[in-house]
C-alpha cells in the first residue's frame, strides 16, 4: 500500500510538529519512505503499535506537500508499506496490536 499525505489548503505553516502519523491496517513492513525526493534510511523511522509511524531521527514529518508534484519529487512525502499479518513458527497468525 502506498500512502501519499495530504496537502495543506492554506499554506504550510502549521502551528504544530508532525512527528507521528497513523497508518491504517496492521503494518507488516515498511518498503520505502520518501521525503522531498530522498529515500530515508531504515533507522530514520519506526512503526509503533497500533500503526503509529514515528520519525526516529530527531526530525518530524512534513506537515503538507505539493500535490501537483509527482511522487518522489521535492515537496512530496510518500511511504510504501505492506499491510497484513504474519504466521509464527507454531502456525498461528500474529498481527500487530
N, C-alpha and C. Protein backbone atom coordinates (compact mmCIF):
# COMPACT_ATOMS: atom_id res chain seq x y z
N UNK A 1 0.85 -1.16 0.00
CA UNK A 1 0.00 0.00 0.00
C UNK A 1 0.90 1.22 0.00
N UNK A 2 0.66 2.14 -0.89
CA UNK A 2 1.39 3.40 -0.91
C UNK A 2 0.50 4.48 -0.33
N UNK A 3 1.08 5.32 0.48
CA UNK A 3 0.33 6.39 1.12
C UNK A 3 0.99 7.71 0.77
N UNK A 4 0.21 8.64 0.21
CA UNK A 4 0.68 10.00 0.00
C UNK A 4 -0.08 10.87 0.98
N UNK A 5 0.60 11.72 1.66
CA UNK A 5 -0.02 12.50 2.72
C UNK A 5 -0.63 13.78 2.16
N UNK A 6 -1.67 14.31 2.81
CA UNK A 6 -2.48 15.38 2.24
C UNK A 6 -1.76 16.71 2.10
N UNK A 7 -2.32 17.52 1.24
CA UNK A 7 -1.80 18.87 1.03
C UNK A 7 -2.45 19.82 2.02
N UNK A 8 -1.78 20.91 2.27
CA UNK A 8 -2.36 21.96 3.12
C UNK A 8 -3.18 22.88 2.24
N UNK A 9 -4.35 23.24 2.71
CA UNK A 9 -5.24 24.10 1.94
C UNK A 9 -4.79 25.56 2.03
N UNK A 10 -4.30 25.99 3.19
CA UNK A 10 -3.96 27.39 3.41
C UNK A 10 -2.46 27.58 3.62
N UNK A 11 -1.63 26.89 2.86
CA UNK A 11 -0.19 27.02 3.03
C UNK A 11 0.36 25.99 4.00
N UNK A 12 1.65 26.04 4.21
CA UNK A 12 2.32 25.02 5.02
C UNK A 12 2.91 25.57 6.30
N UNK A 13 2.18 26.38 7.00
CA UNK A 13 2.68 26.92 8.26
C UNK A 13 1.79 26.44 9.40
N UNK A 14 1.85 25.14 9.67
CA UNK A 14 1.05 24.57 10.75
C UNK A 14 1.66 24.95 12.09
N UNK A 15 0.84 25.16 13.12
CA UNK A 15 1.36 25.56 14.43
C UNK A 15 1.85 24.39 15.28
N UNK A 16 2.07 23.23 14.68
CA UNK A 16 2.49 22.04 15.41
C UNK A 16 3.51 21.28 14.58
N UNK A 17 4.21 20.35 15.22
CA UNK A 17 5.13 19.47 14.51
C UNK A 17 4.47 18.12 14.31
N UNK A 18 4.63 17.56 13.14
CA UNK A 18 4.03 16.28 12.81
C UNK A 18 5.12 15.22 12.86
N UNK A 19 5.34 14.62 14.03
CA UNK A 19 6.40 13.63 14.20
C UNK A 19 5.85 12.21 14.19
N UNK A 20 4.55 12.07 14.09
CA UNK A 20 3.90 10.76 14.11
C UNK A 20 2.65 10.83 13.23
N UNK A 21 2.47 9.80 12.38
CA UNK A 21 1.25 9.70 11.58
C UNK A 21 0.67 8.30 11.76
N UNK A 22 -0.63 8.18 11.54
CA UNK A 22 -1.30 6.89 11.70
C UNK A 22 -1.36 6.17 10.35
N UNK A 23 -1.00 4.89 10.33
CA UNK A 23 -1.11 4.06 9.13
C UNK A 23 -2.25 3.06 9.34
N UNK A 24 -3.21 2.99 8.43
CA UNK A 24 -4.32 2.06 8.59
C UNK A 24 -3.89 0.61 8.40
N UNK A 25 -4.59 -0.27 9.09
CA UNK A 25 -4.36 -1.70 8.95
C UNK A 25 -3.16 -2.19 9.72
N UNK A 26 -3.02 -3.48 9.90
CA UNK A 26 -1.80 -3.99 10.52
C UNK A 26 -0.62 -3.79 9.56
N UNK A 27 0.43 -3.15 10.04
CA UNK A 27 1.61 -2.87 9.20
C UNK A 27 2.54 -4.06 9.26
N UNK A 28 2.70 -4.75 8.15
CA UNK A 28 3.57 -5.92 8.06
C UNK A 28 5.02 -5.51 7.90
N UNK A 29 5.27 -4.45 7.14
CA UNK A 29 6.63 -3.97 6.95
C UNK A 29 6.66 -2.74 6.06
N UNK A 30 7.60 -1.85 6.30
CA UNK A 30 7.77 -0.65 5.50
C UNK A 30 8.72 -0.96 4.35
N UNK A 31 8.32 -0.61 3.15
CA UNK A 31 9.15 -0.86 1.96
C UNK A 31 10.03 0.35 1.66
N UNK A 32 9.43 1.55 1.64
CA UNK A 32 10.21 2.75 1.34
C UNK A 32 9.51 3.98 1.90
N UNK A 33 10.32 4.93 2.34
CA UNK A 33 9.83 6.24 2.78
C UNK A 33 10.60 7.29 1.99
N UNK A 34 9.87 8.19 1.34
CA UNK A 34 10.49 9.20 0.50
C UNK A 34 9.99 10.57 0.94
N UNK A 35 10.91 11.44 1.33
CA UNK A 35 10.58 12.80 1.74
C UNK A 35 11.40 13.76 0.88
N UNK A 36 10.72 14.64 0.18
CA UNK A 36 11.39 15.63 -0.69
C UNK A 36 12.32 15.00 -1.72
N UNK A 37 11.94 13.83 -2.22
CA UNK A 37 12.74 13.17 -3.24
C UNK A 37 13.89 12.35 -2.71
N UNK A 38 14.02 12.24 -1.38
CA UNK A 38 15.10 11.48 -0.77
C UNK A 38 14.53 10.27 -0.03
N UNK A 39 15.09 9.09 -0.29
CA UNK A 39 14.69 7.88 0.43
C UNK A 39 15.35 7.90 1.81
N UNK A 40 14.53 7.74 2.85
CA UNK A 40 15.07 7.75 4.22
C UNK A 40 15.68 6.40 4.58
N UNK A 41 16.78 6.38 5.33
CA UNK A 41 17.36 5.11 5.78
C UNK A 41 16.46 4.47 6.84
N UNK A 42 16.62 3.16 7.03
CA UNK A 42 15.78 2.41 7.97
C UNK A 42 15.75 2.98 9.38
N UNK A 43 16.84 3.48 9.90
CA UNK A 43 16.88 3.97 11.26
C UNK A 43 16.20 5.32 11.46
N UNK A 44 15.72 5.94 10.39
CA UNK A 44 15.12 7.27 10.49
C UNK A 44 13.65 7.23 10.92
N UNK A 45 13.05 6.05 10.97
CA UNK A 45 11.63 5.91 11.32
C UNK A 45 11.38 4.56 11.95
N UNK A 46 10.21 4.43 12.56
CA UNK A 46 9.79 3.15 13.11
C UNK A 46 8.27 3.12 13.14
N UNK A 47 7.72 1.92 13.26
CA UNK A 47 6.27 1.76 13.40
C UNK A 47 6.00 1.26 14.81
N UNK A 48 5.28 2.07 15.57
CA UNK A 48 4.84 1.67 16.91
C UNK A 48 3.41 1.15 16.80
N UNK A 49 3.08 0.16 17.59
CA UNK A 49 1.70 -0.37 17.57
C UNK A 49 0.77 0.67 18.14
N UNK A 50 -0.42 0.79 17.68
CA UNK A 50 -1.04 0.15 16.53
C UNK A 50 -0.99 1.03 15.28
N UNK A 51 0.05 0.95 14.52
CA UNK A 51 0.15 1.68 13.26
C UNK A 51 0.61 3.11 13.36
N UNK A 52 1.24 3.49 14.45
CA UNK A 52 1.78 4.85 14.55
C UNK A 52 3.15 4.88 13.89
N UNK A 53 3.27 5.67 12.85
CA UNK A 53 4.50 5.78 12.08
C UNK A 53 5.27 6.98 12.63
N UNK A 54 6.41 6.72 13.26
CA UNK A 54 7.13 7.72 14.04
C UNK A 54 8.46 8.05 13.39
N UNK A 55 8.79 9.32 13.35
CA UNK A 55 10.12 9.75 12.89
C UNK A 55 11.08 9.54 14.05
N UNK A 56 12.16 8.81 13.85
CA UNK A 56 13.05 8.40 14.94
C UNK A 56 14.44 9.03 14.85
N UNK A 57 14.64 9.94 13.91
CA UNK A 57 15.97 10.54 13.74
C UNK A 57 16.06 11.97 14.24
N UNK A 58 15.08 12.40 15.05
CA UNK A 58 15.09 13.75 15.59
C UNK A 58 14.37 14.76 14.71
N UNK A 59 13.96 14.36 13.54
CA UNK A 59 13.21 15.22 12.63
C UNK A 59 11.72 14.91 12.76
N UNK A 60 10.88 15.71 12.12
CA UNK A 60 9.45 15.44 12.06
C UNK A 60 9.04 15.30 10.60
N UNK A 61 7.86 14.74 10.38
CA UNK A 61 7.34 14.59 9.03
C UNK A 61 6.91 15.94 8.49
N UNK A 62 6.93 16.12 7.16
CA UNK A 62 6.41 17.37 6.59
C UNK A 62 4.94 17.53 6.97
N UNK A 63 4.52 18.77 7.23
CA UNK A 63 3.13 18.99 7.62
C UNK A 63 2.21 19.13 6.42
N UNK A 64 2.75 19.21 5.21
CA UNK A 64 1.95 19.22 3.98
C UNK A 64 2.88 18.95 2.80
N UNK A 65 2.27 18.84 1.62
CA UNK A 65 3.09 18.59 0.44
C UNK A 65 2.47 19.19 -0.80
N UNK A 66 3.27 19.25 -1.86
CA UNK A 66 2.84 19.77 -3.15
C UNK A 66 2.14 18.65 -3.90
N UNK A 67 0.81 18.67 -3.92
CA UNK A 67 0.04 17.60 -4.56
C UNK A 67 0.13 17.65 -6.08
N UNK A 68 0.62 18.75 -6.66
CA UNK A 68 0.79 18.83 -8.10
C UNK A 68 2.10 18.17 -8.55
N UNK A 69 3.02 17.93 -7.62
CA UNK A 69 4.31 17.31 -7.94
C UNK A 69 4.16 15.80 -7.99
N UNK A 70 4.94 15.16 -8.83
CA UNK A 70 4.95 13.70 -8.90
C UNK A 70 5.58 13.13 -7.64
N UNK A 71 5.16 11.93 -7.27
CA UNK A 71 5.74 11.26 -6.10
C UNK A 71 7.25 11.16 -6.25
N UNK A 72 7.96 11.40 -5.16
CA UNK A 72 9.41 11.32 -5.18
C UNK A 72 10.10 12.61 -5.58
N UNK A 73 9.33 13.66 -5.80
CA UNK A 73 9.90 14.95 -6.16
C UNK A 73 10.01 15.84 -4.92
N UNK A 74 10.81 16.89 -4.98
CA UNK A 74 10.87 17.83 -3.85
C UNK A 74 9.47 18.35 -3.52
N UNK A 75 9.19 18.48 -2.23
CA UNK A 75 7.88 18.94 -1.79
C UNK A 75 6.87 17.84 -1.59
N UNK A 76 7.30 16.56 -1.73
CA UNK A 76 6.37 15.44 -1.54
C UNK A 76 6.80 14.57 -0.36
N UNK A 77 5.87 13.80 0.15
CA UNK A 77 6.09 12.87 1.27
C UNK A 77 5.25 11.65 0.99
N UNK A 78 5.91 10.51 0.78
CA UNK A 78 5.21 9.29 0.45
C UNK A 78 5.90 8.10 1.09
N UNK A 79 5.12 7.13 1.50
CA UNK A 79 5.69 5.90 2.01
C UNK A 79 4.93 4.73 1.43
N UNK A 80 5.62 3.61 1.29
CA UNK A 80 5.02 2.38 0.80
C UNK A 80 5.25 1.32 1.87
N UNK A 81 4.18 0.60 2.21
CA UNK A 81 4.30 -0.45 3.23
C UNK A 81 3.41 -1.63 2.89
N UNK A 82 3.75 -2.76 3.48
CA UNK A 82 2.95 -3.98 3.32
C UNK A 82 1.95 -4.05 4.45
N UNK A 83 0.73 -4.38 4.09
CA UNK A 83 -0.36 -4.47 5.04
C UNK A 83 -0.64 -5.94 5.30
N UNK A 84 -0.77 -6.34 6.56
CA UNK A 84 -1.12 -7.72 6.84
C UNK A 84 -0.52 -8.25 8.12
N UNK A 85 -0.63 -9.56 8.30
CA UNK A 85 -0.17 -10.26 9.50
C UNK A 85 0.86 -11.31 9.07
N UNK A 86 1.52 -11.91 10.05
CA UNK A 86 2.49 -12.96 9.71
C UNK A 86 2.20 -14.23 10.50
N UNK A 87 2.62 -15.33 9.92
CA UNK A 87 2.48 -16.63 10.58
C UNK A 87 3.67 -16.86 11.50
N UNK A 88 3.42 -17.40 12.68
CA UNK A 88 4.51 -17.72 13.60
C UNK A 88 5.00 -19.14 13.30
N UNK A 89 6.07 -19.55 13.95
CA UNK A 89 6.59 -20.91 13.76
C UNK A 89 5.60 -21.97 14.24
N UNK A 90 4.74 -21.59 15.16
CA UNK A 90 3.73 -22.53 15.68
C UNK A 90 2.45 -22.50 14.86
N UNK A 91 2.51 -21.92 13.70
CA UNK A 91 1.40 -21.85 12.77
C UNK A 91 0.18 -21.11 13.31
N UNK A 92 0.45 -20.06 14.06
CA UNK A 92 -0.64 -19.19 14.47
C UNK A 92 -0.43 -17.82 13.83
N UNK A 93 -1.52 -17.15 13.58
CA UNK A 93 -1.45 -15.86 12.93
C UNK A 93 -1.17 -14.77 13.96
N UNK A 94 -0.17 -13.95 13.69
CA UNK A 94 0.19 -12.87 14.62
C UNK A 94 0.10 -11.54 13.89
N UNK A 95 -0.75 -10.65 14.45
CA UNK A 95 -0.93 -9.32 13.88
C UNK A 95 -0.47 -8.28 14.88
N UNK A 96 0.09 -7.17 14.39
CA UNK A 96 0.45 -6.10 15.32
C UNK A 96 -0.80 -5.61 16.05
N UNK A 97 -0.65 -5.21 17.28
CA UNK A 97 -1.78 -4.73 18.07
C UNK A 97 -2.30 -3.43 17.53
